[in-house]
Amino acid sequence: MASSSNVWTWEQNKLFENSLATYNNDPDRFQKIAKIIGKTVDEVKVHYQNLVHDVNAIEAGKIPLPNYKTGEAQGQYNKKK
């Protein structure tokens, strides 16, 4: 069942990033990624467009790279112990 939420968990983001690399040249990549993550195709496309926008802004020097706390970039910061 697909989620209608705009909230993406760390795990969903990692699956999204890994799936983008896996299905890079696949014309059905958004459909496959949506099925893997449990999001709609439209949600995946919007998430991808946001990622492209953010990367372009970082590369253009418009926004700085995030300053992650130790472990946060690996998804450990917000996890319960």
PDB file of N, CA and C in Angstrom:
ATOM      1  N   MET A   1       0.845  -1.183   0.000  1.00  0.00           N
ATOM      2  CA  MET A   1       0.000   0.000   0.000  1.00  0.00           C
ATOM      3  C   MET A   1       0.883   1.237   0.000  1.00  0.00           C
ATOM      4  N   ALA A   2       0.589   2.173  -0.862  1.00  0.00           N
ATOM      5  CA  ALA A   2       1.387   3.388  -0.983  1.00  0.00           C
ATOM      6  C   ALA A   2       0.977   4.408   0.068  1.00  0.00           C
ATOM      7  N   SER A   3       1.965   5.172   0.484  1.00  0.00           N
ATOM      8  CA  SER A   3       1.742   6.217   1.476  1.00  0.00           C
ATOM      9  C   SER A   3       1.392   7.520   0.777  1.00  0.00           C
ATOM     10  N   SER A   4       0.488   8.282   1.366  1.00  0.00           N
ATOM     11  CA  SER A   4       0.166   9.589   0.797  1.00  0.00           C
ATOM     12  C   SER A   4       0.877  10.699   1.555  1.00  0.00           C
ATOM     13  N   SER A   5       1.812  10.325   2.417  1.00  0.00           N
ATOM     14  CA  SER A   5       2.511  11.296   3.248  1.00  0.00           C
ATOM     15  C   SER A   5       3.684  11.909   2.501  1.00  0.00           C
ATOM     16  N   ASN A   6       3.926  13.188   2.763  1.00  0.00           N
ATOM     17  CA  ASN A   6       5.096  13.852   2.210  1.00  0.00           C
ATOM     18  C   ASN A   6       6.326  13.633   3.077  1.00  0.00           C
ATOM     19  N   VAL A   7       6.150  12.965   4.216  1.00  0.00           N
ATOM     20  CA  VAL A   7       7.260  12.690   5.112  1.00  0.00           C
ATOM     21  C   VAL A   7       8.000  11.453   4.624  1.00  0.00           C
ATOM     22  N   TRP A   8       9.314  11.597   4.527  1.00  0.00           N
ATOM     23  CA  TRP A   8      10.158  10.477   4.123  1.00  0.00           C
ATOM     24  C   TRP A   8      11.080  10.129   5.280  1.00  0.00           C
ATOM     25  N   THR A   9      11.121   8.857   5.646  1.00  0.00           N
ATOM     26  CA  THR A   9      12.021   8.424   6.707  1.00  0.00           C
ATOM     27  C   THR A   9      13.444   8.338   6.151  1.00  0.00           C
ATOM     28  N   TRP A  10      14.394   8.238   7.079  1.00  0.00           N
ATOM     29  CA  TRP A  10      15.782   8.069   6.659  1.00  0.00           C
ATOM     30  C   TRP A  10      15.921   6.815   5.798  1.00  0.00           C
ATOM     31  N   GLU A  11      15.257   5.745   6.210  1.00  0.00           N
ATOM     32  CA  GLU A  11      15.330   4.485   5.472  1.00  0.00           C
ATOM     33  C   GLU A  11      14.757   4.627   4.067  1.00  0.00           C
ATOM     34  N   GLN A  12      13.631   5.339   3.941  1.00  0.00           N
ATOM     35  CA  GLN A  12      13.045   5.561   2.617  1.00  0.00           C
ATOM     36  C   GLN A  12      13.975   6.395   1.745  1.00  0.00           C
ATOM     37  N   ASN A  13      14.629   7.392   2.330  1.00  0.00           N
ATOM     38  CA  ASN A  13      15.579   8.201   1.569  1.00  0.00           C
ATOM     39  C   ASN A  13      16.750   7.364   1.076  1.00  0.00           C
ATOM     40  N   LYS A  14      17.278   6.476   1.931  1.00  0.00           N
ATOM     41  CA  LYS A  14      18.385   5.611   1.512  1.00  0.00           C
ATOM     42  C   LYS A  14      17.940   4.673   0.397  1.00  0.00           C
ATOM     43  N   LEU A  15      16.748   4.072   0.543  1.00  0.00           N
ATOM     44  CA  LEU A  15      16.219   3.223  -0.524  1.00  0.00           C
ATOM     45  C   LEU A  15      16.058   4.015  -1.819  1.00  0.00           C
ATOM     46  N   PHE A  16      15.573   5.250  -1.696  1.00  0.00           N
ATOM     47  CA  PHE A  16      15.394   6.119  -2.847  1.00  0.00           C
ATOM     48  C   PHE A  16      16.734   6.368  -3.542  1.00  0.00           C
ATOM     49  N   GLU A  17      17.743   6.761  -2.772  1.00  0.00           N
ATOM     50  CA  GLU A  17      19.064   7.051  -3.344  1.00  0.00           C
ATOM     51  C   GLU A  17      19.668   5.805  -3.996  1.00  0.00           C
ATOM     52  N   ASN A  18      19.614   4.688  -3.297  1.00  0.00           N
ATOM     53  CA  ASN A  18      20.171   3.449  -3.852  1.00  0.00           C
ATOM     54  C   ASN A  18      19.410   2.996  -5.095  1.00  0.00           C
ATOM     55  N   SER A  19      18.098   3.156  -5.064  1.00  0.00           N
ATOM     56  CA  SER A  19      17.280   2.769  -6.216  1.00  0.00           C
ATOM     57  C   SER A  19      17.530   3.670  -7.413  1.00  0.00           C
ATOM     58  N   LEU A  20      17.770   4.961  -7.160  1.00  0.00           N
ATOM     59  CA  LEU A  20      18.113   5.862  -8.263  1.00  0.00           C
ATOM     60  C   LEU A  20      19.372   5.385  -8.972  1.00  0.00           C
ATOM     61  N   ALA A  21      20.353   4.968  -8.200  1.00  0.00           N
ATOM     62  CA  ALA A  21      21.598   4.464  -8.791  1.00  0.00           C
ATOM     63  C   ALA A  21      21.355   3.153  -9.536  1.00  0.00           C
ATOM     64  N   THR A  22      20.543   2.287  -8.961  1.00  0.00           N
ATOM     65  CA  THR A  22      20.270   0.981  -9.571  1.00  0.00           C
ATOM     66  C   THR A  22      19.492   1.115 -10.875  1.00  0.00           C
ATOM     67  N   TYR A  23      18.490   1.975 -10.877  1.00  0.00           N
ATOM     68  CA  TYR A  23      17.606   2.112 -12.043  1.00  0.00           C
ATOM     69  C   TYR A  23      17.874   3.391 -12.829  1.00  0.00           C
ATOM     70  N   ASN A  24      19.098   3.865 -12.801  1.00  0.00           N
ATOM     71  CA  ASN A  24      19.483   5.133 -13.421  1.00  0.00           C
ATOM     72  C   ASN A  24      18.998   5.286 -14.863  1.00  0.00           C
ATOM     73  N   ASN A  25      19.184   4.280 -15.680  1.00  0.00           N
ATOM     74  CA  ASN A  25      18.823   4.382 -17.098  1.00  0.00           C
ATOM     75  C   ASN A  25      17.534   3.657 -17.451  1.00  0.00           C
ATOM     76  N   ASP A  26      16.788   3.233 -16.460  1.00  0.00           N
ATOM     77  CA  ASP A  26      15.547   2.494 -16.684  1.00  0.00           C
ATOM     78  C   ASP A  26      14.400   3.482 -16.926  1.00  0.00           C
ATOM     79  N   PRO A  27      13.706   3.372 -18.043  1.00  0.00           N
ATOM     80  CA  PRO A  27      12.598   4.302 -18.307  1.00  0.00           C
ATOM     81  C   PRO A  27      11.449   4.177 -17.311  1.00  0.00           C
ATOM     82  N   ASP A  28      11.369   3.055 -16.601  1.00  0.00           N
ATOM     83  CA  ASP A  28      10.317   2.845 -15.599  1.00  0.00           C
ATOM     84  C   ASP A  28      10.846   3.007 -14.177  1.00  0.00           C
ATOM     85  N   ARG A  29      11.943   3.755 -14.021  1.00  0.00           N
ATOM     86  CA  ARG A  29      12.591   3.832 -12.714  1.00  0.00           C
ATOM     87  C   ARG A  29      11.696   4.392 -11.622  1.00  0.00           C
ATOM     88  N   PHE A  30      10.895   5.407 -11.925  1.00  0.00           N
ATOM     89  CA  PHE A  30      10.049   5.994 -10.885  1.00  0.00           C
ATOM     90  C   PHE A  30       8.973   5.011 -10.419  1.00  0.00           C
ATOM     91  N   GLN A  31       8.453   4.218 -11.343  1.00  0.00           N
ATOM     92  CA  GLN A  31       7.463   3.209 -10.970  1.00  0.00           C
ATOM     93  C   GLN A  31       8.094   2.135 -10.091  1.00  0.00           C
ATOM     94  N   LYS A  32       9.294   1.707 -10.454  1.00  0.00           N
ATOM     95  CA  LYS A  32       9.979   0.672  -9.680  1.00  0.00           C
ATOM     96  C   LYS A  32      10.367   1.186  -8.300  1.00  0.00           C
ATOM     97  N   ILE A  33      10.869   2.407  -8.248  1.00  0.00           N
ATOM     98  CA  ILE A  33      11.265   2.997  -6.971  1.00  0.00           C
ATOM     99  C   ILE A  33      10.050   3.172  -6.065  1.00  0.00           C
ATOM    100  N   ALA A  34       8.948   3.637  -6.627  1.00  0.00           N
ATOM    101  CA  ALA A  34       7.728   3.824  -5.835  1.00  0.00           C
ATOM    102  C   ALA A  34       7.287   2.507  -5.209  1.00  0.00           C
ATOM    103  N   LYS A  35       7.359   1.437  -5.967  1.00  0.00           N
ATOM    104  CA  LYS A  35       6.955   0.119  -5.453  1.00  0.00           C
ATOM    105  C   LYS A  35       7.888  -0.330  -4.331  1.00  0.00           C
ATOM    106  N   ILE A  36       9.171  -0.108  -4.486  1.00  0.00           N
ATOM    107  CA  ILE A  36      10.160  -0.505  -3.475  1.00  0.00           C
ATOM    108  C   ILE A  36       9.954   0.265  -2.177  1.00  0.00           C
ATOM    109  N   ILE A  37       9.710   1.565  -2.289  1.00  0.00           N
ATOM    110  CA  ILE A  37       9.642   2.440  -1.121  1.00  0.00           C
ATOM    111  C   ILE A  37       8.259   2.449  -0.475  1.00  0.00           C
ATOM    112  N   GLY A  38       7.227   2.223  -1.268  1.00  0.00           N
ATOM    113  CA  GLY A  38       5.874   2.296  -0.731  1.00  0.00           C
ATOM    114  C   GLY A  38       5.300   3.691  -0.837  1.00  0.00           C
ATOM    115  N   LYS A  39       5.720   4.417  -1.849  1.00  0.00           N
ATOM    116  CA  LYS A  39       5.208   5.758  -2.135  1.00  0.00           C
ATOM    117  C   LYS A  39       4.535   5.723  -3.498  1.00  0.00           C
ATOM    118  N   THR A  40       3.798   6.769  -3.813  1.00  0.00           N
ATOM    119  CA  THR A  40       3.203   6.859  -5.147  1.00  0.00           C
ATOM    120  C   THR A  40       4.272   7.312  -6.144  1.00  0.00           C
ATOM    121  N   VAL A  41       4.008   7.070  -7.413  1.00  0.00           N
ATOM    122  CA  VAL A  41       4.926   7.518  -8.457  1.00  0.00           C
ATOM    123  C   VAL A  41       5.070   9.039  -8.406  1.00  0.00           C
ATOM    124  N   ASP A  42       3.964   9.744  -8.200  1.00  0.00           N
ATOM    125  CA  ASP A  42       4.031  11.204  -8.117  1.00  0.00           C
ATOM    126  C   ASP A  42       4.885  11.666  -6.943  1.00  0.00           C
ATOM    127  N   GLU A  43       4.765  10.993  -5.797  1.00  0.00           N
ATOM    128  CA  GLU A  43       5.584  11.356  -4.641  1.00  0.00           C
ATOM    129  C   GLU A  43       7.071  11.154  -4.937  1.00  0.00           C
ATOM    130  N   VAL A  44       7.391  10.074  -5.626  1.00  0.00           N
ATOM    131  CA  VAL A  44       8.781   9.799  -5.975  1.00  0.00           C
ATOM    132  C   VAL A  44       9.298  10.851  -6.958  1.00  0.00           C
ATOM    133  N   LYS A  45       8.493  11.212  -7.920  1.00  0.00           N
ATOM    134  CA  LYS A  45       8.913  12.231  -8.893  1.00  0.00           C
ATOM    135  C   LYS A  45       9.144  13.581  -8.225  1.00  0.00           C
ATOM    136  N   VAL A  46       8.270  13.969  -7.319  1.00  0.00           N
ATOM    137  CA  VAL A  46       8.429  15.241  -6.603  1.00  0.00           C
ATOM    138  C   VAL A  46       9.690  15.194  -5.738  1.00  0.00           C
ATOM    139  N   HIS A  47       9.909  14.071  -5.075  1.00  0.00           N
ATOM    140  CA  HIS A  47      11.100  13.913  -4.233  1.00  0.00           C
ATOM    141  C   HIS A  47      12.361  14.030  -5.088  1.00  0.00           C
ATOM    142  N   TYR A  48      12.337  13.439  -6.269  1.00  0.00           N
ATOM    143  CA  TYR A  48      13.468  13.514  -7.196  1.00  0.00           C
ATOM    144  C   TYR A  48      13.698  14.962  -7.658  1.00  0.00           C
ATOM    145  N   GLN A  49      12.622  15.651  -8.013  1.00  0.00           N
ATOM    146  CA  GLN A  49      12.747  17.046  -8.441  1.00  0.00           C
ATOM    147  C   GLN A  49      13.316  17.914  -7.319  1.00  0.00           C
ATOM    148  N   ASN A  50      12.889  17.659  -6.086  1.00  0.00           N
ATOM    149  CA  ASN A  50      13.430  18.396  -4.938  1.00  0.00           C
ATOM    150  C   ASN A  50      14.917  18.100  -4.751  1.00  0.00           C
ATOM    151  N   LEU A  51      15.303  16.855  -4.930  1.00  0.00           N
ATOM    152  CA  LEU A  51      16.707  16.477  -4.819  1.00  0.00           C
ATOM    153  C   LEU A  51      17.544  17.197  -5.877  1.00  0.00           C
ATOM    154  N   VAL A  52      17.084  17.183  -7.106  1.00  0.00           N
ATOM    155  CA  VAL A  52      17.805  17.865  -8.198  1.00  0.00           C
ATOM    156  C   VAL A  52      17.935  19.358  -7.892  1.00  0.00           C
ATOM    157  N   HIS A  53      16.859  19.960  -7.423  1.00  0.00           N
ATOM    158  CA  HIS A  53      16.883  21.378  -7.069  1.00  0.00           C
ATOM    159  C   HIS A  53      17.915  21.648  -5.980  1.00  0.00           C
ATOM    160  N   ASP A  54      17.915  20.824  -4.935  1.00  0.00           N
ATOM    161  CA  ASP A  54      18.861  21.002  -3.835  1.00  0.00           C
ATOM    162  C   ASP A  54      20.303  20.821  -4.285  1.00  0.00           C
ATOM    163  N   VAL A  55      20.565  19.800  -5.078  1.00  0.00           N
ATOM    164  CA  VAL A  55      21.930  19.558  -5.573  1.00  0.00           C
ATOM    165  C   VAL A  55      22.391  20.730  -6.431  1.00  0.00           C
ATOM    166  N   ASN A  56      21.523  21.210  -7.299  1.00  0.00           N
ATOM    167  CA  ASN A  56      21.888  22.360  -8.142  1.00  0.00           C
ATOM    168  C   ASN A  56      22.185  23.593  -7.296  1.00  0.00           C
ATOM    169  N   ALA A  57      21.401  23.824  -6.252  1.00  0.00           N
ATOM    170  CA  ALA A  57      21.621  24.977  -5.380  1.00  0.00           C
ATOM    171  C   ALA A  57      22.940  24.841  -4.616  1.00  0.00           C
ATOM    172  N   ILE A  58      23.245  23.634  -4.150  1.00  0.00           N
ATOM    173  CA  ILE A  58      24.513  23.405  -3.445  1.00  0.00           C
ATOM    174  C   ILE A  58      25.681  23.623  -4.394  1.00  0.00           C
ATOM    175  N   GLU A  59      25.596  23.058  -5.592  1.00  0.00           N
ATOM    176  CA  GLU A  59      26.681  23.203  -6.563  1.00  0.00           C
ATOM    177  C   GLU A  59      26.873  24.647  -7.006  1.00  0.00           C
ATOM    178  N   ALA A  60      25.801  25.425  -7.010  1.00  0.00           N
ATOM    179  CA  ALA A  60      25.887  26.835  -7.395  1.00  0.00           C
ATOM    180  C   ALA A  60      26.349  27.716  -6.226  1.00  0.00           C
ATOM    181  N   GLY A  61      26.537  27.108  -5.070  1.00  0.00           N
ATOM    182  CA  GLY A  61      26.982  27.860  -3.901  1.00  0.00           C
ATOM    183  C   GLY A  61      25.881  28.675  -3.248  1.00  0.00           C
ATOM    184  N   LYS A  62      24.632  28.378  -3.587  1.00  0.00           N
ATOM    185  CA  LYS A  62      23.510  29.138  -3.027  1.00  0.00           C
ATOM    186  C   LYS A  62      23.168  28.702  -1.611  1.00  0.00           C
ATOM    187  N   ILE A  63      23.441  27.445  -1.299  1.00  0.00           N
ATOM    188  CA  ILE A  63      23.233  26.960   0.061  1.00  0.00           C
ATOM    189  C   ILE A  63      24.431  26.094   0.444  1.00  0.00           C
ATOM    190  N   PRO A  64      24.824  26.128   1.710  1.00  0.00           N
ATOM    191  CA  PRO A  64      25.978  25.323   2.133  1.00  0.00           C
ATOM    192  C   PRO A  64      25.601  23.859   2.303  1.00  0.00           C
ATOM    193  N   LEU A  65      26.618  23.020   2.302  1.00  0.00           N
ATOM    194  CA  LEU A  65      26.393  21.614   2.616  1.00  0.00           C
ATOM    195  C   LEU A  65      25.891  21.502   4.045  1.00  0.00           C
ATOM    196  N   PRO A  66      25.050  20.532   4.327  1.00  0.00           N
ATOM    197  CA  PRO A  66      24.558  20.367   5.700  1.00  0.00           C
ATOM    198  C   PRO A  66      25.707  20.045   6.651  1.00  0.00           C
ATOM    199  N   ASN A  67      25.604  20.531   7.870  1.00  0.00           N
ATOM    200  CA  ASN A  67      26.583  20.239   8.903  1.00  0.00           C
ATOM    201  C   ASN A  67      25.964  19.210   9.846  1.00  0.00           C
ATOM    202  N   TYR A  68      26.143  17.923   9.516  1.00  0.00           N
ATOM    203  CA  TYR A  68      25.528  16.855  10.285  1.00  0.00           C
ATOM    204  C   TYR A  68      26.228  16.657  11.617  1.00  0.00           C
ATOM    205  N   LYS A  69      25.435  16.307  12.620  1.00  0.00           N
ATOM    206  CA  LYS A  69      25.989  15.880  13.896  1.00  0.00           C
ATOM    207  C   LYS A  69      26.526  14.468  13.707  1.00  0.00           C
ATOM    208  N   THR A  70      27.415  14.042  14.551  1.00  0.00           N
ATOM    209  CA  THR A  70      28.011  12.719  14.447  1.00  0.00           C
ATOM    210  C   THR A  70      26.923  11.653  14.342  1.00  0.00           C
ATOM    211  N   GLY A  71      27.014  10.836  13.300  1.00  0.00           N
ATOM    212  CA  GLY A  71      26.079   9.738  13.113  1.00  0.00           C
ATOM    213  C   GLY A  71      24.798  10.117  12.396  1.00  0.00           C
ATOM    214  N   GLU A  72      24.464  11.399  12.331  1.00  0.00           N
ATOM    215  CA  GLU A  72      23.199  11.806  11.730  1.00  0.00           C
ATOM    216  C   GLU A  72      23.128  11.451  10.256  1.00  0.00           C
ATOM    217  N   ALA A  73      24.213  11.648   9.519  1.00  0.00           N
ATOM    218  CA  ALA A  73      24.208  11.346   8.100  1.00  0.00           C
ATOM    219  C   ALA A  73      24.023   9.858   7.838  1.00  0.00           C
ATOM    220  N   GLN A  74      24.367   9.039   8.818  1.00  0.00           N
ATOM    221  CA  GLN A  74      24.180   7.595   8.687  1.00  0.00           C
ATOM    222  C   GLN A  74      22.827   7.158   9.212  1.00  0.00           C
ATOM    223  N   GLY A  75      21.990   8.083   9.619  1.00  0.00           N
ATOM    224  CA  GLY A  75      20.658   7.747  10.085  1.00  0.00           C
ATOM    225  C   GLY A  75      20.606   7.295  11.526  1.00  0.00           C
ATOM    226  N   GLN A  76      21.656   7.537  12.272  1.00  0.00           N
ATOM    227  CA  GLN A  76      21.716   7.054  13.635  1.00  0.00           C
ATOM    228  C   GLN A  76      21.259   8.117  14.635  1.00  0.00           C
ATOM    229  N   TYR A  77      21.241   9.357  14.271  1.00  0.00           N
ATOM    230  CA  TYR A  77      20.974  10.443  15.188  1.00  0.00           C
ATOM    231  C   TYR A  77      19.585  10.380  15.806  1.00  0.00           C
ATOM    232  N   ASN A  78      18.574  10.102  14.982  1.00  0.00           N
ATOM    233  CA  ASN A  78      17.203  10.119  15.466  1.00  0.00           C
ATOM    234  C   ASN A  78      16.654   8.740  15.833  1.00  0.00           C
ATOM    235  N   LYS A  79      17.470   7.721  15.741  1.00  0.00           N
ATOM    236  CA  LYS A  79      16.984   6.381  16.052  1.00  0.00           C
ATOM    237  C   LYS A  79      16.978   6.152  17.542  1.00  0.00           C
ATOM    238  N   LYS A  80      15.970   5.425  17.981  1.00  0.00           N
ATOM    239  CA  LYS A  80      15.892   5.069  19.395  1.00  0.00           C
ATOM    240  C   LYS A  80      16.908   3.991  19.694  1.00  0.00           C
ATOM    241  N   LYS A  81      17.477   4.052  20.875  1.00  0.00           N
ATOM    242  CA  LYS A  81      18.487   3.055  21.254  1.00  0.00           C
ATOM    243  C   LYS A  81      17.863   1.982  22.102  1.00  0.00           C
TER     244      LYS A  81
END
